[in-house]
Amino acid sequence: MSKSITVRYFAGFREHAGTGEEKMTVSADTAADVFVELRHRHGSSEPLGHCKVAINDEMADWDATISDGDTVFLFPPVAGGLWHARD
């Protein structure tokens, strides 16, 4: 069954999509399904395990169910390292 959702992109995902947000109709059942569908659509090669997802403003697992009207937020990995205080 098709669902109308809003997807909000951050950082590199926004660059690949060419927009910060889009409304779309998907056949996805889970957040992971949305990720795979969008990866093919926008040409991202980022692995799922490196990214984070939120649904309706709450962090979620990739196996979380997507419902009609949901907003899905996709966050790519963030580069950076550990900060160490000097002695």
N, C-alpha and C. Protein backbone atom coordinates (compact mmCIF):
# COMPACT_ATOMS: atom_id res chain seq x y z
N MET A 1 0.83 -1.17 0.00
CA MET A 1 0.00 0.00 0.00
C MET A 1 0.88 1.25 0.00
N SER A 2 0.54 2.21 -0.81
CA SER A 2 1.31 3.45 -0.91
C SER A 2 1.02 4.37 0.26
N LYS A 3 2.07 5.10 0.66
CA LYS A 3 1.96 6.06 1.75
C LYS A 3 2.51 7.40 1.30
N SER A 4 1.85 8.47 1.70
CA SER A 4 2.37 9.82 1.45
C SER A 4 3.16 10.24 2.67
N ILE A 5 4.45 10.54 2.47
CA ILE A 5 5.31 10.93 3.58
C ILE A 5 6.08 12.19 3.19
N THR A 6 6.65 12.82 4.20
CA THR A 6 7.59 13.92 3.98
C THR A 6 8.95 13.42 4.43
N VAL A 7 9.96 13.70 3.62
CA VAL A 7 11.32 13.32 3.98
C VAL A 7 12.14 14.59 4.12
N ARG A 8 12.85 14.70 5.24
CA ARG A 8 13.74 15.83 5.46
C ARG A 8 15.17 15.32 5.47
N TYR A 9 16.00 16.01 4.68
CA TYR A 9 17.39 15.60 4.49
C TYR A 9 18.33 16.55 5.21
N PHE A 10 19.44 16.01 5.69
CA PHE A 10 20.45 16.81 6.35
C PHE A 10 21.82 16.54 5.73
N ALA A 11 22.67 17.56 5.73
CA ALA A 11 24.06 17.48 5.30
C ALA A 11 24.20 16.86 3.91
N GLY A 12 24.99 15.79 3.79
CA GLY A 12 25.25 15.17 2.50
C GLY A 12 24.00 14.64 1.81
N PHE A 13 23.04 14.18 2.58
CA PHE A 13 21.79 13.72 1.97
C PHE A 13 21.07 14.87 1.28
N ARG A 14 21.12 16.06 1.88
CA ARG A 14 20.49 17.23 1.27
C ARG A 14 21.18 17.56 -0.05
N GLU A 15 22.50 17.45 -0.08
CA GLU A 15 23.25 17.71 -1.31
C GLU A 15 22.87 16.72 -2.40
N HIS A 16 22.77 15.44 -2.07
CA HIS A 16 22.39 14.43 -3.06
C HIS A 16 20.98 14.65 -3.57
N ALA A 17 20.05 15.00 -2.68
CA ALA A 17 18.65 15.16 -3.06
C ALA A 17 18.41 16.50 -3.76
N GLY A 18 19.28 17.48 -3.52
CA GLY A 18 19.10 18.79 -4.12
C GLY A 18 18.01 19.61 -3.44
N THR A 19 17.59 19.17 -2.26
CA THR A 19 16.55 19.86 -1.50
C THR A 19 16.64 19.44 -0.04
N GLY A 20 16.10 20.24 0.84
CA GLY A 20 16.09 19.89 2.25
C GLY A 20 14.89 19.07 2.65
N GLU A 21 13.86 19.09 1.80
CA GLU A 21 12.63 18.38 2.14
C GLU A 21 11.86 18.07 0.88
N GLU A 22 11.22 16.92 0.87
CA GLU A 22 10.32 16.60 -0.25
C GLU A 22 9.18 15.72 0.23
N LYS A 23 8.04 15.92 -0.39
CA LYS A 23 6.88 15.07 -0.13
C LYS A 23 6.87 14.03 -1.23
N MET A 24 6.57 12.79 -0.85
CA MET A 24 6.59 11.73 -1.84
C MET A 24 5.66 10.60 -1.46
N THR A 25 5.37 9.78 -2.43
CA THR A 25 4.57 8.59 -2.20
C THR A 25 5.51 7.40 -2.31
N VAL A 26 5.50 6.55 -1.28
CA VAL A 26 6.39 5.40 -1.24
C VAL A 26 5.58 4.14 -0.97
N SER A 27 6.16 3.02 -1.31
CA SER A 27 5.55 1.72 -0.99
C SER A 27 6.27 1.10 0.20
N ALA A 28 7.13 1.86 0.84
CA ALA A 28 7.97 1.39 1.94
C ALA A 28 7.14 1.03 3.16
N ASP A 29 7.59 0.01 3.88
CA ASP A 29 6.96 -0.38 5.13
C ASP A 29 7.77 0.07 6.34
N THR A 30 9.09 0.17 6.18
CA THR A 30 9.96 0.53 7.29
C THR A 30 10.86 1.70 6.91
N ALA A 31 11.52 2.28 7.91
CA ALA A 31 12.47 3.35 7.66
C ALA A 31 13.60 2.87 6.74
N ALA A 32 14.03 1.63 6.92
CA ALA A 32 15.09 1.08 6.05
C ALA A 32 14.62 1.00 4.60
N ASP A 33 13.36 0.65 4.39
CA ASP A 33 12.81 0.60 3.02
C ASP A 33 12.83 1.99 2.39
N VAL A 34 12.49 3.01 3.18
CA VAL A 34 12.53 4.39 2.67
C VAL A 34 13.96 4.74 2.29
N PHE A 35 14.91 4.41 3.15
CA PHE A 35 16.32 4.71 2.89
C PHE A 35 16.78 4.08 1.57
N VAL A 36 16.46 2.82 1.37
CA VAL A 36 16.88 2.11 0.15
C VAL A 36 16.23 2.75 -1.08
N GLU A 37 14.94 3.05 -0.98
CA GLU A 37 14.24 3.67 -2.10
C GLU A 37 14.86 5.02 -2.45
N LEU A 38 15.19 5.81 -1.45
CA LEU A 38 15.78 7.13 -1.69
C LEU A 38 17.23 7.05 -2.13
N ARG A 39 17.94 6.07 -1.65
CA ARG A 39 19.34 5.91 -2.07
C ARG A 39 19.41 5.68 -3.57
N HIS A 40 18.52 4.85 -4.08
CA HIS A 40 18.48 4.62 -5.53
C HIS A 40 18.00 5.86 -6.28
N ARG A 41 17.05 6.55 -5.72
CA ARG A 41 16.47 7.74 -6.37
C ARG A 41 17.47 8.88 -6.48
N HIS A 42 18.27 9.08 -5.42
CA HIS A 42 19.17 10.23 -5.38
C HIS A 42 20.65 9.89 -5.57
N GLY A 43 20.98 8.63 -5.69
CA GLY A 43 22.34 8.24 -6.00
C GLY A 43 23.32 8.27 -4.84
N SER A 44 22.85 8.18 -3.63
CA SER A 44 23.75 8.15 -2.48
C SER A 44 24.32 6.74 -2.33
N SER A 45 25.57 6.66 -1.92
CA SER A 45 26.19 5.35 -1.71
C SER A 45 26.44 5.08 -0.22
N GLU A 46 25.91 5.94 0.63
CA GLU A 46 26.12 5.81 2.07
C GLU A 46 25.49 4.52 2.59
N PRO A 47 26.23 3.72 3.34
CA PRO A 47 25.64 2.50 3.91
C PRO A 47 24.65 2.81 5.03
N LEU A 48 23.60 2.06 5.08
CA LEU A 48 22.54 2.25 6.06
C LEU A 48 23.08 2.28 7.49
N GLY A 49 24.00 1.38 7.81
CA GLY A 49 24.51 1.25 9.17
C GLY A 49 25.26 2.46 9.69
N HIS A 50 25.65 3.36 8.80
CA HIS A 50 26.39 4.55 9.22
C HIS A 50 25.48 5.74 9.48
N CYS A 51 24.20 5.61 9.19
CA CYS A 51 23.27 6.73 9.21
C CYS A 51 22.27 6.60 10.35
N LYS A 52 21.58 7.69 10.63
CA LYS A 52 20.55 7.73 11.67
C LYS A 52 19.23 8.15 11.03
N VAL A 53 18.14 7.75 11.68
CA VAL A 53 16.81 8.10 11.18
C VAL A 53 15.93 8.53 12.35
N ALA A 54 15.04 9.45 12.08
CA ALA A 54 14.00 9.84 13.03
C ALA A 54 12.68 9.83 12.30
N ILE A 55 11.63 9.54 13.03
CA ILE A 55 10.28 9.56 12.47
C ILE A 55 9.44 10.46 13.36
N ASN A 56 8.85 11.47 12.75
CA ASN A 56 8.00 12.42 13.48
C ASN A 56 8.71 13.00 14.71
N ASP A 57 9.94 13.47 14.48
CA ASP A 57 10.74 14.15 15.51
C ASP A 57 11.28 13.26 16.62
N GLU A 58 11.24 11.94 16.45
CA GLU A 58 11.80 11.04 17.45
C GLU A 58 12.77 10.07 16.78
N MET A 59 13.96 9.94 17.38
CA MET A 59 14.93 8.99 16.83
C MET A 59 14.29 7.61 16.77
N ALA A 60 14.61 6.86 15.72
CA ALA A 60 13.96 5.57 15.51
C ALA A 60 14.98 4.55 15.04
N ASP A 61 14.59 3.29 15.12
CA ASP A 61 15.38 2.20 14.55
C ASP A 61 15.01 2.06 13.08
N TRP A 62 15.90 1.46 12.33
CA TRP A 62 15.65 1.29 10.90
C TRP A 62 14.48 0.35 10.61
N ASP A 63 14.12 -0.50 11.57
CA ASP A 63 12.98 -1.40 11.34
C ASP A 63 11.65 -0.80 11.80
N ALA A 64 11.66 0.49 12.18
CA ALA A 64 10.43 1.17 12.59
C ALA A 64 9.47 1.28 11.40
N THR A 65 8.19 1.08 11.68
CA THR A 65 7.16 1.12 10.65
C THR A 65 6.86 2.55 10.23
N ILE A 66 6.68 2.73 8.93
CA ILE A 66 6.31 4.02 8.35
C ILE A 66 4.81 4.02 8.10
N SER A 67 4.16 5.10 8.51
CA SER A 67 2.71 5.25 8.30
C SER A 67 2.43 6.43 7.38
N ASP A 68 1.27 6.41 6.77
CA ASP A 68 0.83 7.51 5.92
C ASP A 68 0.86 8.80 6.73
N GLY A 69 1.45 9.85 6.17
CA GLY A 69 1.52 11.15 6.84
C GLY A 69 2.76 11.37 7.69
N ASP A 70 3.60 10.36 7.86
CA ASP A 70 4.81 10.50 8.67
C ASP A 70 5.81 11.45 8.03
N THR A 71 6.67 12.01 8.89
CA THR A 71 7.83 12.76 8.43
C THR A 71 9.06 11.96 8.85
N VAL A 72 9.90 11.65 7.87
CA VAL A 72 11.11 10.86 8.07
C VAL A 72 12.32 11.78 7.92
N PHE A 73 13.19 11.78 8.92
CA PHE A 73 14.40 12.60 8.91
C PHE A 73 15.60 11.68 8.68
N LEU A 74 16.44 12.01 7.70
CA LEU A 74 17.62 11.20 7.41
C LEU A 74 18.88 11.98 7.73
N PHE A 75 19.73 11.38 8.56
CA PHE A 75 20.97 11.99 9.00
C PHE A 75 22.15 11.13 8.54
N PRO A 76 23.04 11.68 7.73
CA PRO A 76 24.24 10.93 7.34
C PRO A 76 25.23 10.89 8.50
N PRO A 77 26.28 10.08 8.37
CA PRO A 77 27.29 10.05 9.43
C PRO A 77 27.93 11.44 9.56
N VAL A 78 28.33 11.76 10.75
CA VAL A 78 28.98 13.04 11.00
C VAL A 78 30.46 12.79 11.20
N ALA A 79 31.27 13.52 10.45
CA ALA A 79 32.72 13.36 10.57
C ALA A 79 33.19 14.06 11.84
N GLY A 80 34.24 13.57 12.37
CA GLY A 80 34.81 14.20 13.56
C GLY A 80 35.57 13.19 14.37
N GLY A 81 36.20 13.67 15.36
CA GLY A 81 36.99 12.77 16.20
C GLY A 81 36.79 13.09 17.65
N LEU A 82 37.53 12.42 18.45
CA LEU A 82 37.45 12.64 19.88
C LEU A 82 38.33 13.81 20.26
N TRP A 83 37.86 14.59 21.20
CA TRP A 83 38.64 15.69 21.72
C TRP A 83 39.38 15.21 22.95
N HIS A 84 40.65 15.47 23.00
CA HIS A 84 41.46 15.06 24.15
C HIS A 84 42.07 16.31 24.78
N ALA A 85 41.88 16.45 26.07
CA ALA A 85 42.50 17.55 26.81
C ALA A 85 43.98 17.26 26.97
N ARG A 86 44.77 18.29 26.87
CA ARG A 86 46.21 18.11 27.06
C ARG A 86 46.53 18.18 28.55
N ASP A 87 47.50 17.38 28.95
CA ASP A 87 47.94 17.39 30.36
C ASP A 87 48.77 18.61 30.64
